[in-house]
N, C-alpha and C. Protein backbone atom coordinates (compact mmCIF):
# COMPACT_ATOMS: atom_id res chain seq x y z
N MET A 1 -0.96 29.53 141.61
CA MET A 1 -1.68 29.55 142.86
C MET A 1 -0.67 29.23 143.97
N PRO A 2 -0.15 30.26 144.62
CA PRO A 2 0.85 30.03 145.67
C PRO A 2 0.27 29.36 146.91
N THR A 3 0.99 28.38 147.41
CA THR A 3 0.64 27.77 148.69
C THR A 3 1.22 28.64 149.79
N ILE A 4 0.35 29.13 150.68
CA ILE A 4 0.78 30.00 151.77
C ILE A 4 1.13 29.18 153.01
N PHE A 5 0.32 28.18 153.30
CA PHE A 5 0.55 27.29 154.44
C PHE A 5 0.18 25.87 154.03
N GLU A 6 0.68 24.92 154.80
CA GLU A 6 0.21 23.54 154.73
C GLU A 6 -0.24 23.14 156.13
N LEU A 7 -1.39 22.49 156.20
CA LEU A 7 -1.95 22.06 157.47
C LEU A 7 -2.51 20.67 157.28
N ALA A 8 -1.89 19.69 157.92
CA ALA A 8 -2.27 18.29 157.76
C ALA A 8 -2.26 17.95 156.27
N ALA A 9 -3.37 17.45 155.73
CA ALA A 9 -3.41 17.05 154.32
C ALA A 9 -3.81 18.21 153.40
N PHE A 10 -3.94 19.41 153.95
CA PHE A 10 -4.44 20.55 153.18
C PHE A 10 -3.33 21.53 152.81
N ARG A 11 -3.43 22.03 151.59
CA ARG A 11 -2.62 23.18 151.16
C ARG A 11 -3.54 24.39 151.21
N ILE A 12 -3.12 25.45 151.87
CA ILE A 12 -3.91 26.68 151.98
C ILE A 12 -3.31 27.66 150.98
N MET A 13 -4.14 28.01 149.97
CA MET A 13 -3.62 28.77 148.83
C MET A 13 -4.46 30.00 148.55
N ILE A 14 -3.82 30.97 147.89
CA ILE A 14 -4.49 32.15 147.38
C ILE A 14 -4.27 32.20 145.88
N LEU A 15 -5.37 32.28 145.15
CA LEU A 15 -5.26 32.41 143.70
C LEU A 15 -4.85 33.84 143.37
N THR A 16 -3.97 33.99 142.41
CA THR A 16 -3.46 35.32 142.10
C THR A 16 -4.46 36.17 141.33
N ARG A 17 -5.38 35.56 140.63
CA ARG A 17 -6.44 36.30 139.92
C ARG A 17 -7.78 35.73 140.37
N ASP A 18 -8.28 36.27 141.46
CA ASP A 18 -9.49 35.71 142.06
C ASP A 18 -10.44 36.82 142.45
N HIS A 19 -11.64 36.44 142.84
CA HIS A 19 -12.72 37.36 143.15
C HIS A 19 -12.72 37.74 144.62
N GLU A 20 -13.41 38.83 144.93
CA GLU A 20 -13.69 39.23 146.30
C GLU A 20 -14.79 38.32 146.85
N PRO A 21 -14.96 38.21 148.13
CA PRO A 21 -14.16 38.76 149.21
C PRO A 21 -12.85 37.99 149.36
N PRO A 22 -11.88 38.58 150.06
CA PRO A 22 -10.61 37.87 150.28
C PRO A 22 -10.87 36.51 150.92
N HIS A 23 -10.30 35.47 150.31
CA HIS A 23 -10.54 34.11 150.79
C HIS A 23 -9.35 33.23 150.42
N VAL A 24 -9.34 32.05 151.01
CA VAL A 24 -8.32 31.06 150.69
C VAL A 24 -8.98 29.80 150.16
N HIS A 25 -8.22 29.07 149.37
CA HIS A 25 -8.62 27.76 148.87
C HIS A 25 -7.84 26.74 149.70
N CYS A 26 -8.55 25.88 150.38
CA CYS A 26 -7.92 24.83 151.19
C CYS A 26 -8.16 23.52 150.43
N LYS A 27 -7.09 22.99 149.86
CA LYS A 27 -7.22 21.81 149.00
C LYS A 27 -6.54 20.61 149.64
N GLY A 28 -7.28 19.50 149.60
CA GLY A 28 -6.75 18.22 150.00
C GLY A 28 -6.94 17.26 148.84
N PRO A 29 -6.63 15.99 149.04
CA PRO A 29 -6.77 15.02 147.95
C PRO A 29 -8.24 14.83 147.54
N GLY A 30 -8.62 15.44 146.42
CA GLY A 30 -9.97 15.31 145.90
C GLY A 30 -11.03 16.14 146.61
N ILE A 31 -10.62 17.01 147.51
CA ILE A 31 -11.56 17.84 148.27
C ILE A 31 -11.05 19.28 148.31
N GLU A 32 -11.98 20.22 148.55
CA GLU A 32 -11.61 21.63 148.62
C GLU A 32 -12.69 22.40 149.37
N VAL A 33 -12.25 23.39 150.14
CA VAL A 33 -13.17 24.32 150.78
C VAL A 33 -12.60 25.72 150.60
N LEU A 34 -13.48 26.69 150.26
CA LEU A 34 -13.10 28.09 150.17
C LEU A 34 -13.62 28.79 151.41
N ILE A 35 -12.73 29.52 152.09
CA ILE A 35 -13.08 30.17 153.35
C ILE A 35 -12.65 31.63 153.30
N GLU A 36 -13.59 32.53 153.68
CA GLU A 36 -13.25 33.95 153.78
C GLU A 36 -12.21 34.14 154.88
N ILE A 37 -11.27 35.03 154.61
CA ILE A 37 -10.18 35.24 155.56
C ILE A 37 -10.67 35.97 156.81
N GLU A 38 -11.38 37.08 156.64
CA GLU A 38 -11.73 37.91 157.79
C GLU A 38 -12.83 37.29 158.66
N SER A 39 -13.85 36.69 158.05
CA SER A 39 -14.98 36.17 158.83
C SER A 39 -14.90 34.66 159.07
N GLN A 40 -14.03 33.97 158.32
CA GLN A 40 -13.90 32.52 158.35
C GLN A 40 -15.18 31.81 157.91
N LEU A 41 -16.05 32.50 157.18
CA LEU A 41 -17.26 31.87 156.64
C LEU A 41 -16.90 30.99 155.45
N VAL A 42 -17.60 29.88 155.32
CA VAL A 42 -17.37 28.97 154.19
C VAL A 42 -18.11 29.53 152.97
N ILE A 43 -17.37 29.72 151.89
CA ILE A 43 -17.95 30.16 150.62
C ILE A 43 -18.45 28.96 149.84
N ARG A 44 -17.62 27.93 149.79
CA ARG A 44 -17.99 26.70 149.07
C ARG A 44 -17.24 25.53 149.69
N ASN A 45 -17.94 24.42 149.81
CA ASN A 45 -17.33 23.22 150.38
C ASN A 45 -17.55 22.05 149.43
N ARG A 46 -16.45 21.45 149.01
CA ARG A 46 -16.51 20.26 148.16
C ARG A 46 -15.97 19.06 148.94
N ASP A 47 -16.86 18.46 149.71
CA ASP A 47 -16.60 17.18 150.39
C ASP A 47 -15.61 17.22 151.55
N VAL A 48 -15.38 18.39 152.15
CA VAL A 48 -14.52 18.46 153.33
C VAL A 48 -15.39 18.23 154.57
N HIS A 49 -14.97 17.31 155.43
CA HIS A 49 -15.73 16.99 156.64
C HIS A 49 -15.80 18.21 157.57
N ALA A 50 -16.89 18.30 158.31
CA ALA A 50 -17.14 19.43 159.20
C ALA A 50 -16.00 19.64 160.21
N LYS A 51 -15.46 18.56 160.75
CA LYS A 51 -14.36 18.67 161.72
C LYS A 51 -13.14 19.33 161.07
N ASP A 52 -12.83 18.95 159.84
CA ASP A 52 -11.69 19.56 159.14
C ASP A 52 -11.97 21.02 158.81
N VAL A 53 -13.21 21.34 158.46
CA VAL A 53 -13.57 22.74 158.18
C VAL A 53 -13.35 23.58 159.44
N ARG A 54 -13.79 23.10 160.58
CA ARG A 54 -13.60 23.84 161.84
C ARG A 54 -12.12 24.03 162.15
N THR A 55 -11.32 23.01 161.92
CA THR A 55 -9.88 23.12 162.14
C THR A 55 -9.28 24.18 161.22
N LEU A 56 -9.66 24.15 159.96
CA LEU A 56 -9.17 25.14 158.99
C LEU A 56 -9.63 26.54 159.36
N GLN A 57 -10.88 26.69 159.78
CA GLN A 57 -11.38 28.01 160.17
C GLN A 57 -10.58 28.57 161.36
N GLY A 58 -10.27 27.74 162.33
CA GLY A 58 -9.46 28.18 163.46
C GLY A 58 -8.07 28.59 163.04
N PHE A 59 -7.47 27.82 162.14
CA PHE A 59 -6.13 28.15 161.65
C PHE A 59 -6.15 29.46 160.88
N ILE A 60 -7.17 29.65 160.05
CA ILE A 60 -7.28 30.89 159.27
C ILE A 60 -7.50 32.08 160.20
N LYS A 61 -8.31 31.91 161.23
CA LYS A 61 -8.53 32.99 162.19
C LYS A 61 -7.22 33.38 162.87
N THR A 62 -6.46 32.39 163.29
CA THR A 62 -5.18 32.65 163.96
C THR A 62 -4.19 33.34 163.04
N ASN A 63 -4.24 33.02 161.76
CA ASN A 63 -3.26 33.54 160.79
C ASN A 63 -3.86 34.57 159.83
N ALA A 64 -4.98 35.18 160.22
CA ALA A 64 -5.70 36.11 159.33
C ALA A 64 -4.83 37.28 158.89
N ASP A 65 -4.00 37.82 159.76
CA ASP A 65 -3.15 38.96 159.38
C ASP A 65 -2.18 38.58 158.26
N VAL A 66 -1.54 37.46 158.40
CA VAL A 66 -0.59 36.99 157.38
C VAL A 66 -1.34 36.73 156.07
N LEU A 67 -2.48 36.08 156.16
CA LEU A 67 -3.25 35.75 154.96
C LEU A 67 -3.77 37.00 154.26
N MET A 68 -4.23 38.00 155.03
CA MET A 68 -4.69 39.24 154.41
C MET A 68 -3.54 39.98 153.74
N ASN A 69 -2.36 39.96 154.35
CA ASN A 69 -1.20 40.58 153.72
C ASN A 69 -0.86 39.89 152.40
N GLU A 70 -0.95 38.59 152.38
CA GLU A 70 -0.70 37.85 151.14
C GLU A 70 -1.77 38.16 150.09
N TRP A 71 -3.03 38.21 150.51
CA TRP A 71 -4.12 38.54 149.59
C TRP A 71 -3.86 39.92 148.95
N ARG A 72 -3.52 40.89 149.78
CA ARG A 72 -3.26 42.25 149.27
C ARG A 72 -2.07 42.24 148.31
N HIS A 73 -1.06 41.50 148.63
CA HIS A 73 0.12 41.42 147.78
C HIS A 73 -0.25 40.98 146.36
N TYR A 74 -1.15 40.04 146.25
CA TYR A 74 -1.52 39.50 144.94
C TYR A 74 -2.67 40.24 144.26
N HIS A 75 -3.47 41.01 145.02
CA HIS A 75 -4.68 41.57 144.44
C HIS A 75 -4.77 43.09 144.41
N GLU A 76 -4.01 43.80 145.22
CA GLU A 76 -4.11 45.26 145.17
C GLU A 76 -3.41 45.80 143.94
N LYS A 77 -4.07 46.72 143.30
CA LYS A 77 -3.50 47.34 142.10
C LYS A 77 -2.60 48.49 142.49
N SER A 78 -1.55 48.69 141.74
CA SER A 78 -0.60 49.78 142.03
C SER A 78 -1.21 51.11 141.67
C-alpha cells in the first residue's frame, strides 16, 4: 500500500488491489477514513473527527489530478 502523501498525522495511501470507485485510505494512529478522489465523498470513517475529515477532503480535492494518476497507475489493466 504505497503512501502517496503525508498530511499532519495521516498517511494518504492507495491500495494496489482495491475496489472502485477510485479512493484513498487516510490512516492515522488507530483511525482511518476512505474518501473518493473525484467527489471527496466519505466511503467509510473509523473514528476520524469531522474537522480532520474536512481537512483531508480539501487536500484530496486540491491534489485530485495527482491522486487519480496514481490510482490509474496501480489499477488500469494493460
